[in-house]
């Protein structure tokens, strides 16, 4: 008979979550109520029912698209779809945007394709504050009781937030609610030069108490995509480890101590078992063949996640290279030369060259290309705005402010002009 470890249980009707693996490490999924034996303390309990649980992964993706996200706009547009692609294809994902009043823009039932389409349309809202804490609490309360293991994936900056509405007493209630609902919160914190640390502080604490993944970055870069892929891989690994669990509902004997520990066994030989009260499976729970089998699956999942990241970046680079080649071809027009290239719109050619260099991390080349794009059309704010972002990447805040002020001067009514105004307010002392 396979024997599981003991766990604490209370109440007239109690429950355990049990995973059972055979000697080869494969999950045992054909057990019935009659196969389980539960003891509460030293007294055998009545097993009421057994259910094999394989719920789809349900993830609430919360994104700070307020003022603090302005410098991260481009890398978030690139990285967030990669995050979604790296999740299991059966996942149910809701997208929650936090600028101003937090709002669900894609619900769980709408499918991953709808999430990806909405992310492709994502724009940050410069000059707004994030309803960060409200977004967290409303999302947790929005999980139905049928969702056994809610997951929050939070991507937040430490920028402007509606912290004036925050109350410590409400946060204490929120922390307890996370525990009661068996929520796991994973988070990526993105720092800004003048951030307060309010949102990233909450994300750090909430991920710690729920056992979630947390990491942070100090500036915009391709590392955002890398970290988002790592978060998705960790969520996927935990979901994989939680598959094929039995929900075992039992009634302790009236003679049993209600505060005693519970243990379980199955009438099946040569098996390995794992028990928990809430079904959240921690890392490294298995040994022997079961651990090897699980490790192989996790490696396959990690490879799949990395491949999704590489494919997304490769597709972007190929698009930019095609645009650059097409624009470069204008220099071969009859009567060509520099004059013909300029007439054909070489500002875009220089811009695309800068985008390629920036995507590959060649900041000096990017600067030179953006400067040439600006020289080709001094009234175009787009290259000036990108020069400001490059300056932020290099830690040159004064240089970034100078470029942003130029954007406002020459192209105030553009999208870049509006974002520049918001950034100047953050960066200037």
Protein backbone atom coordinates (compact mmCIF):
# COMPACT_ATOMS: atom_id res chain seq x y z
CA UNK A 1 0.00 0.00 0.00
CA UNK A 2 1.32 3.47 -0.90
CA UNK A 3 1.60 5.83 2.04
CA UNK A 4 1.58 9.64 1.96
CA UNK A 5 2.94 12.13 4.44
CA UNK A 6 0.76 13.76 7.09
CA UNK A 7 -0.84 17.20 6.82
CA UNK A 8 -3.04 19.31 9.07
CA UNK A 9 -6.80 19.24 8.51
CA UNK A 10 -9.84 20.55 10.37
CA UNK A 11 -13.63 20.62 10.03
CA UNK A 12 -16.57 18.24 9.82
CA UNK A 13 -15.87 17.57 6.14
CA UNK A 14 -12.22 17.93 5.24
CA UNK A 15 -10.20 17.53 2.08
CA UNK A 16 -6.77 16.65 0.83
CA UNK A 17 -5.12 16.95 -2.55
CA UNK A 18 -3.14 13.86 -3.48
CA UNK A 19 -0.81 13.06 -6.39
CA UNK A 20 0.13 9.45 -7.04
CA UNK A 21 2.99 8.28 -9.29
CA UNK A 22 3.97 4.76 -10.28
CA UNK A 23 7.49 3.33 -10.14
CA UNK A 24 8.32 4.79 -13.57
CA UNK A 25 7.25 8.27 -12.53
CA UNK A 26 4.01 8.30 -14.53
CA UNK A 27 0.87 9.70 -12.85
CA UNK A 28 -1.66 7.14 -11.64
CA UNK A 29 -5.04 8.40 -12.84
CA UNK A 30 -7.39 5.41 -12.48
CA UNK A 31 -7.95 5.45 -8.71
CA UNK A 32 -11.43 5.48 -7.19
CA UNK A 33 -12.90 6.29 -3.79
CA UNK A 34 -12.37 2.69 -2.69
CA UNK A 35 -8.63 2.95 -3.40
CA UNK A 36 -7.99 5.68 -0.81
CA UNK A 37 -7.49 5.30 2.91
CA UNK A 38 -7.42 8.43 5.08
CA UNK A 39 -6.54 8.56 8.75
CA UNK A 40 -7.27 11.57 10.91
CA UNK A 41 -4.88 11.22 13.79
CA UNK A 42 -4.90 7.49 14.59
CA UNK A 43 -8.53 7.00 13.54
CA UNK A 44 -9.60 6.01 10.03
CA UNK A 45 -11.88 8.53 8.33
CA UNK A 46 -14.71 7.96 5.86
CA UNK A 47 -13.69 8.84 2.29
CA UNK A 48 -16.74 10.60 0.84
CA UNK A 49 -15.66 11.21 -2.73
CA UNK A 50 -12.59 11.42 -4.96
CA UNK A 51 -12.17 13.64 -8.02
CA UNK A 52 -9.25 13.74 -10.45
CA UNK A 53 -8.51 17.43 -10.96
CA UNK A 54 -7.00 18.80 -14.18
CA UNK A 55 -8.30 22.35 -14.27
CA UNK A 56 -6.93 24.65 -17.00
CA UNK A 57 -4.39 27.20 -15.84
CA UNK A 58 -6.15 30.51 -15.13
CA UNK A 59 -3.92 33.58 -15.11
CA UNK A 60 -4.80 37.22 -14.54
CA UNK A 61 -2.17 39.31 -16.35
CA UNK A 62 -2.02 42.76 -14.72
CA UNK A 63 -0.05 45.39 -16.63
CA UNK A 64 0.90 48.85 -15.41
CA UNK A 65 0.27 50.98 -18.51
CA UNK A 66 0.31 54.29 -16.64
CA UNK A 67 2.90 57.06 -16.68
CA UNK A 68 5.70 54.95 -15.20
CA UNK A 69 5.53 52.58 -18.18
CA UNK A 70 6.32 55.26 -20.77
CA UNK A 71 10.04 54.44 -21.05
CA UNK A 72 9.21 50.72 -21.16
CA UNK A 73 6.53 51.02 -23.84
CA UNK A 74 8.42 49.43 -26.73
CA UNK A 75 9.89 46.53 -24.77
CA UNK A 76 6.52 45.77 -23.17
CA UNK A 77 4.89 45.67 -26.61
CA UNK A 78 7.53 43.13 -27.61
CA UNK A 79 7.72 41.07 -24.42
CA UNK A 80 4.12 40.66 -23.28
CA UNK A 81 3.01 38.61 -26.33
CA UNK A 82 6.04 36.36 -25.81
CA UNK A 83 4.89 35.84 -22.21
CA UNK A 84 1.43 34.75 -23.38
CA UNK A 85 2.86 32.47 -26.08
CA UNK A 86 5.04 30.73 -23.47
CA UNK A 87 2.05 29.67 -21.34
CA UNK A 88 0.30 26.32 -21.90
CA UNK A 89 -1.99 26.60 -24.93
CA UNK A 90 -5.02 25.61 -22.83
CA UNK A 91 -4.49 28.53 -20.43
CA UNK A 92 -7.31 30.94 -19.66
CA UNK A 93 -5.85 34.45 -19.45
CA UNK A 94 -7.49 37.75 -18.54
CA UNK A 95 -5.76 41.04 -19.32
CA UNK A 96 -6.13 43.83 -16.76
CA UNK A 97 -4.75 47.31 -17.46
CA UNK A 98 -4.02 49.51 -14.47
CA UNK A 99 -3.77 53.11 -15.74
CA UNK A 100 -6.32 55.33 -14.02
CA UNK A 101 -9.15 53.00 -13.03
CA UNK A 102 -8.11 49.33 -13.37
CA UNK A 103 -10.18 47.53 -15.99
CA UNK A 104 -10.47 44.07 -17.50
CA UNK A 105 -9.95 44.51 -21.25
CA UNK A 106 -9.93 40.78 -22.09
CA UNK A 107 -11.79 38.20 -19.99
CA UNK A 108 -10.67 34.63 -19.32
CA UNK A 109 -13.22 33.14 -21.71
CA UNK A 110 -12.15 35.17 -24.76
CA UNK A 111 -9.10 33.08 -25.66
CA UNK A 112 -5.36 33.66 -26.02
CA UNK A 113 -5.73 35.04 -29.57
CA UNK A 114 -7.84 37.91 -28.22
CA UNK A 115 -5.27 38.62 -25.51
CA UNK A 116 -2.50 38.76 -28.12
CA UNK A 117 -4.55 41.06 -30.36
CA UNK A 118 -5.19 43.45 -27.47
CA UNK A 119 -1.52 43.46 -26.49
CA UNK A 120 -0.64 44.34 -30.08
CA UNK A 121 -2.78 47.47 -29.62
CA UNK A 122 -1.26 48.38 -26.24
CA UNK A 123 -0.31 52.00 -25.61
CA UNK A 124 0.83 53.50 -22.33
CA UNK A 125 -1.13 56.37 -20.86
CA UNK A 126 1.36 59.12 -20.10
CA UNK A 127 0.35 61.51 -17.34
CA UNK A 128 -1.85 58.96 -15.55
CA UNK A 129 -1.41 57.13 -12.25
CA UNK A 130 -1.87 53.38 -11.85
CA UNK A 131 -4.78 52.02 -9.82
CA UNK A 132 -2.40 49.31 -8.70
CA UNK A 133 -3.72 48.15 -5.34
CA UNK A 134 -7.35 48.41 -6.47
CA UNK A 135 -6.43 46.28 -9.47
CA UNK A 136 -4.90 43.59 -7.28
CA UNK A 137 -7.78 43.41 -4.81
CA UNK A 138 -10.51 43.47 -7.46
CA UNK A 139 -8.78 40.76 -9.48
CA UNK A 140 -8.43 38.46 -6.48
CA UNK A 141 -12.07 39.00 -5.51
CA UNK A 142 -13.08 38.32 -9.11
CA UNK A 143 -11.77 34.75 -9.02
CA UNK A 144 -14.72 32.42 -8.63
CA UNK A 145 -14.72 29.82 -5.89
CA UNK A 146 -14.46 27.18 -8.62
CA UNK A 147 -10.95 28.41 -9.45
CA UNK A 148 -8.82 26.30 -7.15
CA UNK A 149 -5.39 27.83 -7.78
CA UNK A 150 -5.64 31.43 -9.03
CA UNK A 151 -2.49 32.91 -10.55
CA UNK A 152 -1.66 36.61 -10.84
CA UNK A 153 1.10 37.67 -13.23
CA UNK A 154 1.91 41.29 -12.44
CA UNK A 155 4.05 43.58 -14.59
CA UNK A 156 4.46 46.88 -12.77
CA UNK A 157 6.69 49.92 -12.64
CA UNK A 158 7.47 51.96 -9.55
CA UNK A 159 5.99 55.04 -11.21
CA UNK A 160 2.93 57.15 -10.50
CA UNK A 161 0.26 55.33 -8.49
CA UNK A 162 -3.00 56.16 -6.75
CA UNK A 163 -1.42 55.47 -3.38
CA UNK A 164 -3.52 58.19 -1.75
CA UNK A 165 -6.35 55.62 -1.73
CA UNK A 166 -4.20 52.99 -0.03
CA UNK A 167 -4.91 51.95 3.57
CA UNK A 168 -2.65 49.66 5.59
CA UNK A 169 -5.66 47.93 7.14
CA UNK A 170 -6.93 47.04 3.67
CA UNK A 171 -3.55 45.61 2.76
CA UNK A 172 -3.62 43.33 5.81
CA UNK A 173 -7.00 42.01 4.64
CA UNK A 174 -5.64 41.57 1.12
CA UNK A 175 -2.64 39.56 2.34
CA UNK A 176 -4.91 37.22 4.27
CA UNK A 177 -7.20 36.87 1.26
CA UNK A 178 -4.25 35.76 -0.86
CA UNK A 179 -3.55 32.99 1.63
CA UNK A 180 -7.19 31.95 2.04
CA UNK A 181 -7.75 31.67 -1.72
CA UNK A 182 -4.45 29.85 -2.38
CA UNK A 183 -3.42 32.60 -4.82
CA UNK A 184 0.07 32.59 -6.28
CA UNK A 185 1.32 36.02 -7.34
CA UNK A 186 4.29 36.34 -9.69
CA UNK A 187 5.68 39.76 -10.55
CA UNK A 188 8.22 41.67 -12.61
CA UNK A 189 9.16 45.07 -11.18
CA UNK A 190 10.38 47.78 -13.59
CA UNK A 191 12.18 50.69 -11.99
CA UNK A 192 12.16 54.31 -13.16
CA UNK A 193 14.63 57.08 -12.29
CA UNK A 194 12.19 58.86 -9.97
CA UNK A 195 9.97 55.98 -8.85
CA UNK A 196 8.60 55.75 -5.33
CA UNK A 197 8.83 51.97 -4.96
CA UNK A 198 5.21 51.73 -3.78
CA UNK A 199 3.95 49.29 -6.40
CA UNK A 200 7.14 47.24 -6.63
CA UNK A 201 7.19 47.01 -2.83
CA UNK A 202 3.71 45.50 -2.75
CA UNK A 203 4.59 43.15 -5.61
CA UNK A 204 7.72 41.98 -3.80
CA UNK A 205 5.84 41.29 -0.56
CA UNK A 206 2.84 39.61 -2.19
CA UNK A 207 5.01 37.31 -4.29
CA UNK A 208 6.98 36.37 -1.18
CA UNK A 209 4.00 35.43 0.98
CA UNK A 210 2.37 33.43 -1.85
CA UNK A 211 5.59 31.68 -2.87
CA UNK A 212 5.60 33.32 -6.29
CA UNK A 213 8.36 34.31 -8.71
CA UNK A 214 9.77 37.86 -8.55
CA UNK A 215 12.46 39.76 -10.41
CA UNK A 216 13.19 43.35 -11.35
CA UNK A 217 14.97 45.49 -13.94
CA UNK A 218 16.42 48.97 -13.60
CA UNK A 219 15.94 50.22 -17.18
CA UNK A 220 14.25 49.37 -20.50
CA UNK A 221 16.05 46.68 -22.52
CA UNK A 222 15.51 43.36 -24.25
CA UNK A 223 15.93 41.82 -20.79
CA UNK A 224 12.25 42.62 -20.21
CA UNK A 225 11.32 39.94 -22.75
CA UNK A 226 13.80 37.54 -21.15
CA UNK A 227 12.36 38.07 -17.67
CA UNK A 228 8.77 37.77 -18.88
CA UNK A 229 9.70 34.48 -20.54
CA UNK A 230 11.24 33.28 -17.28
CA UNK A 231 8.06 34.18 -15.40
CA UNK A 232 5.91 32.33 -17.93
CA UNK A 233 8.20 29.30 -17.75
CA UNK A 234 7.91 29.22 -13.95
CA UNK A 235 4.11 29.49 -14.11
CA UNK A 236 4.04 26.70 -16.69
CA UNK A 237 6.32 24.47 -14.61
CA UNK A 238 4.15 24.86 -11.54
CA UNK A 239 1.02 24.16 -13.55
CA UNK A 240 2.64 21.02 -14.92
CA UNK A 241 3.58 19.87 -11.43
CA UNK A 242 -0.02 20.37 -10.29
CA UNK A 243 -1.64 18.20 -12.94
CA UNK A 244 -3.37 14.90 -12.14
CA UNK A 245 -4.20 15.62 -8.51
CA UNK A 246 -6.97 13.84 -6.67
CA UNK A 247 -9.29 15.92 -4.53
CA UNK A 248 -10.06 13.58 -1.64
CA UNK A 249 -13.03 14.64 0.51
CA UNK A 250 -13.45 12.79 3.79
CA UNK A 251 -15.29 12.92 7.12
CA UNK A 252 -13.20 12.43 10.26
CA UNK A 253 -14.57 10.04 12.85
CA UNK A 254 -16.48 11.70 15.71
CA UNK A 255 -13.84 10.20 17.99
CA UNK A 256 -10.96 11.86 16.13
CA UNK A 257 -9.15 14.90 17.45
CA UNK A 258 -10.25 17.79 15.16
CA UNK A 259 -6.77 19.32 15.45
CA UNK A 260 -4.94 16.11 14.62
CA UNK A 261 -2.89 15.52 11.52
CA UNK A 262 -4.26 13.62 8.55
CA UNK A 263 -2.47 11.07 6.39
CA UNK A 264 -3.47 9.15 3.29
CA UNK A 265 -2.58 5.93 1.52
CA UNK A 266 -3.76 4.10 -1.58
CA UNK A 267 -4.37 0.42 -2.14
CA UNK A 268 -1.75 0.24 -4.85
CA UNK A 269 1.82 -0.97 -4.56
CA UNK A 270 5.08 0.71 -5.62
CA UNK A 271 3.75 4.24 -5.80
CA UNK A 272 4.98 7.65 -4.68
CA UNK A 273 2.51 10.10 -3.17
CA UNK A 274 2.39 13.81 -2.47
CA UNK A 275 -0.23 15.39 -0.20
CA UNK A 276 -1.23 18.99 0.42
CA UNK A 277 -4.20 20.85 1.88
CA UNK A 278 -4.63 23.46 -0.88
CA UNK A 279 -3.27 21.63 -3.93
CA UNK A 280 -0.47 24.07 -4.62
CA UNK A 281 2.50 21.88 -5.39
CA UNK A 282 5.90 23.23 -4.39
CA UNK A 283 9.19 22.56 -6.18
CA UNK A 284 11.19 19.36 -5.90
CA UNK A 285 8.45 17.21 -4.38
CA UNK A 286 9.43 13.99 -6.13
CA UNK A 287 12.34 11.58 -5.99
CA UNK A 288 13.62 8.73 -8.12
CA UNK A 289 11.98 7.92 -11.48
CA UNK A 290 9.09 10.30 -10.83
CA UNK A 291 11.51 13.19 -10.41
CA UNK A 292 13.35 12.24 -13.60
CA UNK A 293 10.12 12.05 -15.60
CA UNK A 294 9.00 15.40 -14.26
CA UNK A 295 12.39 16.98 -14.98
CA UNK A 296 12.20 15.84 -18.60
CA UNK A 297 8.80 17.47 -18.98
CA UNK A 298 10.02 20.69 -17.40
CA UNK A 299 13.06 20.84 -19.69
CA UNK A 300 10.75 20.40 -22.70
CA UNK A 301 8.54 23.24 -21.41
CA UNK A 302 11.56 25.50 -20.88
CA UNK A 303 12.82 24.81 -24.40
CA UNK A 304 9.38 25.62 -25.80
CA UNK A 305 9.31 28.92 -23.89
CA UNK A 306 12.74 29.94 -25.15
CA UNK A 307 11.80 28.99 -28.71
CA UNK A 308 8.73 31.24 -28.48
CA UNK A 309 10.95 34.12 -27.38
CA UNK A 310 13.49 33.55 -30.14
CA UNK A 311 10.81 33.24 -32.82
CA UNK A 312 9.14 36.49 -31.77
CA UNK A 313 12.41 38.42 -31.77
CA UNK A 314 13.51 36.87 -35.06
CA UNK A 315 10.23 37.83 -36.72
CA UNK A 316 10.62 41.42 -35.53
CA UNK A 317 14.21 41.64 -36.77
CA UNK A 318 13.21 40.21 -40.16
CA UNK A 319 10.41 42.78 -40.52
CA UNK A 320 12.79 45.62 -39.73
CA UNK A 321 15.43 44.28 -42.09
CA UNK A 322 12.88 44.03 -44.93
CA UNK A 323 11.84 47.63 -44.36
CA UNK A 324 15.46 48.75 -44.26
CA UNK A 325 16.29 46.91 -47.51
CA UNK A 326 13.26 48.38 -49.24
CA UNK A 327 14.19 51.89 -48.17
CA UNK A 328 17.85 51.39 -48.98
CA UNK A 329 16.79 50.43 -52.50
CA UNK A 330 15.57 53.99 -53.10
CA UNK A 331 19.20 55.12 -53.34
CA UNK A 332 19.44 53.15 -56.61
CA UNK A 333 16.72 55.13 -58.37
CA UNK A 334 17.66 56.77 -61.70
CA UNK A 335 19.57 59.94 -60.96
CA UNK A 336 20.03 58.48 -57.47
CA UNK A 337 22.53 59.46 -54.86
CA UNK A 338 21.86 61.19 -51.61
CA UNK A 339 19.42 63.65 -53.11
CA UNK A 340 17.17 60.93 -54.53
CA UNK A 341 17.25 58.99 -51.27
CA UNK A 342 16.23 62.08 -49.36
CA UNK A 343 13.37 62.81 -51.74
CA UNK A 344 12.17 59.22 -51.31
CA UNK A 345 11.92 59.68 -47.56
CA UNK A 346 15.29 58.66 -46.13
CA UNK A 347 14.23 59.78 -42.66
CA UNK A 348 12.37 56.46 -42.43
CA UNK A 349 15.42 54.62 -43.71
CA UNK A 350 17.60 56.10 -40.98
CA UNK A 351 14.81 55.44 -38.44
CA UNK A 352 14.59 51.78 -39.39
CA UNK A 353 18.35 51.41 -39.22
CA UNK A 354 18.17 52.84 -35.70
CA UNK A 355 15.41 50.40 -34.76
CA UNK A 356 17.48 47.45 -35.94
CA UNK A 357 20.53 48.63 -34.01
CA UNK A 358 18.44 49.30 -30.89
CA UNK A 359 16.80 45.87 -31.07
CA UNK A 360 20.24 44.28 -31.22
CA UNK A 361 21.58 46.35 -28.32
CA UNK A 362 23.96 48.45 -30.46
CA UNK A 363 23.21 51.76 -28.77
CA UNK A 364 25.97 53.82 -30.42
CA UNK A 365 24.81 52.74 -33.89
CA UNK A 366 21.23 53.46 -32.89
CA UNK A 367 22.14 56.97 -31.73
CA UNK A 368 23.89 57.74 -35.02
CA UNK A 369 20.93 56.49 -37.07
CA UNK A 370 18.32 58.36 -35.03
CA UNK A 371 20.37 61.55 -35.27
CA UNK A 372 20.48 61.21 -39.07
CA UNK A 373 16.71 60.66 -39.11
CA UNK A 374 16.31 63.87 -37.11
CA UNK A 375 18.67 65.75 -39.43
CA UNK A 376 16.60 64.56 -42.40
CA UNK A 377 13.42 65.99 -40.81
CA UNK A 378 14.01 68.28 -37.81
CA UNK A 379 10.24 68.60 -37.23
CA UNK A 380 9.80 64.85 -36.62
CA UNK A 381 9.65 64.06 -32.91
CA UNK A 382 9.91 60.28 -33.18
CA UNK A 383 13.72 59.97 -33.48
CA UNK A 384 14.21 62.58 -30.76
CA UNK A 385 11.96 60.57 -28.44
CA UNK A 386 13.92 57.40 -29.17
CA UNK A 387 17.19 59.27 -28.50
CA UNK A 388 15.72 60.14 -25.10
CA UNK A 389 15.00 56.46 -24.40
CA UNK A 390 18.53 55.51 -25.44
CA UNK A 391 19.85 58.14 -23.04
CA UNK A 392 17.75 56.62 -20.26
CA UNK A 393 19.15 53.19 -21.12
CA UNK A 394 22.64 54.65 -20.67
CA UNK A 395 21.73 56.36 -17.40
CA UNK A 396 21.99 59.89 -18.85
CA UNK A 397 18.91 61.54 -17.34
CA UNK A 398 19.94 65.10 -18.25
CA UNK A 399 20.47 64.09 -21.85
CA UNK A 400 17.10 62.34 -21.90
CA UNK A 401 15.35 65.47 -20.60
CA UNK A 402 17.04 67.59 -23.28
CA UNK A 403 15.80 65.31 -26.05
CA UNK A 404 12.31 65.14 -24.54
CA UNK A 405 12.09 68.93 -24.41
CA UNK A 406 13.03 69.02 -28.09
CA UNK A 407 10.23 66.54 -28.84
CA UNK A 408 7.72 68.83 -27.14
CA UNK A 409 9.10 71.84 -29.01
CA UNK A 410 8.89 70.35 -32.51
CA UNK A 411 6.09 67.75 -32.27
CA UNK A 412 3.95 68.54 -29.22
CA UNK A 413 0.69 67.14 -30.63
CA UNK A 414 2.09 63.72 -31.54
CA UNK A 415 1.90 60.58 -29.40
CA UNK A 416 5.60 61.01 -28.63
CA UNK A 417 4.97 64.63 -27.62
CA UNK A 418 2.32 63.62 -25.09
CA UNK A 419 4.57 60.91 -23.65
CA UNK A 420 7.51 63.31 -23.54
CA UNK A 421 5.53 65.79 -21.43
CA UNK A 422 4.73 63.05 -18.93
CA UNK A 423 8.32 61.83 -18.78
CA UNK A 424 9.74 65.31 -18.27
CA UNK A 425 7.53 65.69 -15.22
CA UNK A 426 9.00 62.49 -13.78
CA UNK A 427 12.64 63.11 -14.64
CA UNK A 428 13.02 66.77 -13.74
CA UNK A 429 13.77 67.42 -10.06
